[in-house]
Amino acid sequence: MDSLTPDQRFEQLQLTLPPPPTPLGVYKPFLVVDKFVYVSGHGTVKEDRSLIIGKVGVDLNAEEAKQAAQQVGLAILATLKSNLGSLNKIKRVIKVLGMVNAVPDFERHPFVINGCSELFAKVWGPDLGVGVRSAVGMGSLPDNIPVEIEAVFEIA
């Protein structure tokens, strides 16, 4: 493993964080309990605050949905960075729950959620950046977004 910090690894990816999303309901987007950070379900927020919209299998193919999942991962990183000041304050990814708004016969949910999981693995490395995970299909998601992801992290 290289000696770079998570912030340095993220900088090398040359990706841009969207603004951290604000809650659209009665919940906290970010909560610290003991040594753990719980991040509420995040959607496909882009840099201009607009959303990637559509149902997988109709409006987006699996590859486009995987890119949407990466965008959700970026939104989660934006929430972490805005609340903690640095991605270096996260020791490891504990759990990821990825939900895919897909047609009933779509079966590649894990492939889609890899868009987020691969991003986290690049930021925290192949061991600390990979936690336990579920990738499931949903009949719909808020605002017709294609992917919603929530996660749990351990604080360094």
Protein backbone atom coordinates (compact mmCIF):
# COMPACT_ATOMS: atom_id res chain seq x y z
CA MET A 1 0.00 0.00 0.00
CA ASP A 2 1.24 3.48 -0.79
CA SER A 3 1.94 6.04 1.91
CA LEU A 4 -0.60 8.54 0.59
CA THR A 5 -3.42 9.75 2.80
CA PRO A 6 -7.08 9.32 1.80
CA ASP A 7 -7.25 13.04 0.95
CA GLN A 8 -4.15 12.72 -1.27
CA ARG A 9 -5.54 9.60 -2.99
CA PHE A 10 -8.82 11.39 -3.67
CA GLU A 11 -6.94 14.36 -5.12
CA GLN A 12 -5.08 12.02 -7.50
CA LEU A 13 -8.41 10.76 -8.87
CA GLN A 14 -9.10 14.27 -10.21
CA LEU A 15 -12.79 13.98 -9.33
CA THR A 16 -14.87 16.86 -8.00
CA LEU A 17 -17.09 16.61 -4.96
CA PRO A 18 -20.63 17.91 -5.33
CA PRO A 19 -22.00 20.16 -2.59
CA PRO A 20 -23.00 18.05 0.41
CA PRO A 21 -26.74 17.35 0.09
CA THR A 22 -29.17 18.88 2.56
CA PRO A 23 -31.89 16.72 4.17
CA LEU A 24 -35.24 16.68 2.40
CA GLY A 25 -36.97 15.08 5.39
CA VAL A 26 -36.72 14.63 9.13
CA TYR A 27 -33.31 12.97 9.53
CA LYS A 28 -29.61 13.69 10.05
CA PRO A 29 -27.41 13.12 6.99
CA PHE A 30 -24.42 12.39 9.26
CA LEU A 31 -24.26 11.04 12.81
CA VAL A 32 -21.29 10.07 14.96
CA VAL A 33 -21.85 7.39 17.61
CA ASP A 34 -18.78 6.30 19.54
CA LYS A 35 -16.12 5.54 16.89
CA PHE A 36 -18.58 5.20 14.01
CA VAL A 37 -19.99 7.59 11.43
CA TYR A 38 -23.41 6.74 10.03
CA VAL A 39 -24.26 8.41 6.72
CA SER A 40 -27.92 8.50 5.68
CA GLY A 41 -29.02 7.46 2.23
CA HIS A 42 -27.49 9.74 -0.39
CA GLY A 43 -28.64 10.25 -3.95
CA THR A 44 -27.11 11.19 -7.27
CA VAL A 45 -26.29 14.85 -6.53
CA LYS A 46 -24.14 16.48 -9.22
CA GLU A 47 -21.85 19.51 -8.90
CA ASP A 48 -24.68 21.88 -9.93
CA ARG A 49 -26.99 20.32 -7.26
CA SER A 50 -29.14 18.67 -9.95
CA LEU A 51 -29.79 14.92 -9.79
CA ILE A 52 -29.11 12.07 -12.17
CA ILE A 53 -32.64 10.76 -12.79
CA GLY A 54 -34.08 7.56 -14.23
CA LYS A 55 -34.90 3.90 -13.77
CA VAL A 56 -32.19 1.36 -14.53
CA GLY A 57 -33.20 -0.88 -17.40
CA VAL A 58 -35.36 1.84 -18.99
CA ASP A 59 -33.61 5.21 -18.78
CA LEU A 60 -30.09 4.05 -17.88
CA ASN A 61 -28.09 0.94 -18.71
CA ALA A 62 -25.93 -0.88 -16.17
CA GLU A 63 -22.77 1.11 -17.01
CA GLU A 64 -24.61 4.45 -16.71
CA ALA A 65 -26.08 3.29 -13.41
CA LYS A 66 -22.59 2.34 -12.17
CA GLN A 67 -21.46 5.90 -12.96
CA ALA A 68 -24.50 7.19 -11.05
CA ALA A 69 -23.42 5.04 -8.07
CA GLN A 70 -19.97 6.65 -8.23
CA GLN A 71 -21.69 10.04 -8.12
CA VAL A 72 -23.55 8.93 -4.98
CA GLY A 73 -20.19 7.91 -3.51
CA LEU A 74 -18.88 11.40 -4.25
CA ALA A 75 -21.90 12.90 -2.46
CA ILE A 76 -21.13 10.71 0.58
CA LEU A 77 -17.49 11.86 0.49
CA ALA A 78 -18.73 15.46 0.34
CA THR A 79 -20.81 14.90 3.48
CA LEU A 80 -17.87 13.28 5.27
CA LYS A 81 -15.49 16.07 4.28
CA SER A 82 -17.90 18.88 5.20
CA ASN A 83 -18.59 17.37 8.64
CA LEU A 84 -15.11 16.08 9.51
CA GLY A 85 -12.92 18.49 7.52
CA SER A 86 -10.87 15.67 6.00
CA LEU A 87 -11.28 12.16 4.61
CA ASN A 88 -8.17 11.30 6.65
CA LYS A 89 -10.37 11.22 9.76
CA ILE A 90 -12.03 8.04 8.47
CA LYS A 91 -10.12 4.86 9.31
CA ARG A 92 -12.15 2.41 7.26
CA VAL A 93 -15.39 1.63 5.45
CA ILE A 94 -17.55 -0.67 7.59
CA LYS A 95 -20.78 -1.16 5.60
CA VAL A 96 -22.41 0.00 2.39
CA LEU A 97 -26.08 -0.51 1.52
CA GLY A 98 -26.80 0.24 -2.13
CA MET A 99 -30.32 0.48 -3.53
CA VAL A 100 -30.94 0.42 -7.26
CA ASN A 101 -34.15 1.76 -8.81
CA ALA A 102 -34.51 -0.88 -11.52
CA VAL A 103 -36.99 -2.78 -13.62
CA PRO A 104 -38.04 -6.13 -12.09
CA ASP A 105 -35.90 -8.27 -14.42
CA PHE A 106 -32.67 -6.28 -13.81
CA GLU A 107 -30.14 -8.52 -12.03
CA ARG A 108 -26.86 -6.59 -11.96
CA HIS A 109 -27.33 -4.62 -8.73
CA PRO A 110 -23.85 -5.54 -7.38
CA PHE A 111 -22.24 -4.32 -10.62
CA VAL A 112 -24.03 -0.98 -10.25
CA ILE A 113 -23.06 -0.47 -6.60
CA ASN A 114 -19.44 -1.24 -7.51
CA GLY A 115 -19.37 2.35 -8.81
CA CYS A 116 -19.40 3.53 -5.20
CA SER A 117 -17.42 0.64 -3.72
CA GLU A 118 -14.58 1.03 -6.23
CA LEU A 119 -14.38 4.76 -5.40
CA PHE A 120 -14.09 4.03 -1.66
CA ALA A 121 -11.44 1.35 -2.36
CA LYS A 122 -9.40 3.94 -4.29
CA VAL A 123 -9.67 6.49 -1.46
CA TRP A 124 -8.97 4.21 1.54
CA GLY A 125 -7.19 1.32 -0.21
CA PRO A 126 -8.24 -2.25 -1.08
CA ASP A 127 -8.44 -3.36 2.55
CA LEU A 128 -9.70 -0.39 4.58
CA GLY A 129 -11.80 0.92 1.69
CA VAL A 130 -13.85 -2.24 1.34
CA GLY A 131 -16.41 -3.22 3.96
CA VAL A 132 -19.44 -5.47 4.09
CA ARG A 133 -22.12 -4.62 1.55
CA SER A 134 -25.61 -5.24 0.29
CA ALA A 135 -26.83 -4.30 -3.18
CA VAL A 136 -30.59 -4.55 -3.67
CA GLY A 137 -33.23 -3.58 -6.19
CA MET A 138 -36.10 -1.21 -5.47
CA GLY A 139 -39.33 -0.54 -7.31
CA SER A 140 -38.70 3.19 -6.98
CA LEU A 141 -36.50 5.71 -5.18
CA PRO A 142 -37.08 9.37 -4.20
CA ASP A 143 -37.26 11.79 -7.16
CA ASN A 144 -36.79 8.79 -9.49
CA ILE A 145 -33.04 8.69 -8.82
CA PRO A 146 -31.40 5.48 -10.09
CA VAL A 147 -29.26 4.80 -6.98
CA GLU A 148 -29.36 5.56 -3.25
CA ILE A 149 -26.56 4.50 -0.90
CA GLU A 150 -26.05 4.66 2.85
CA ALA A 151 -22.82 3.78 4.65
CA VAL A 152 -21.10 3.29 8.00
CA PHE A 153 -17.46 4.24 8.60
CA GLU A 154 -15.02 3.89 11.49
CA ILE A 155 -13.35 7.08 12.70
CA ALA A 156 -9.53 7.08 12.80
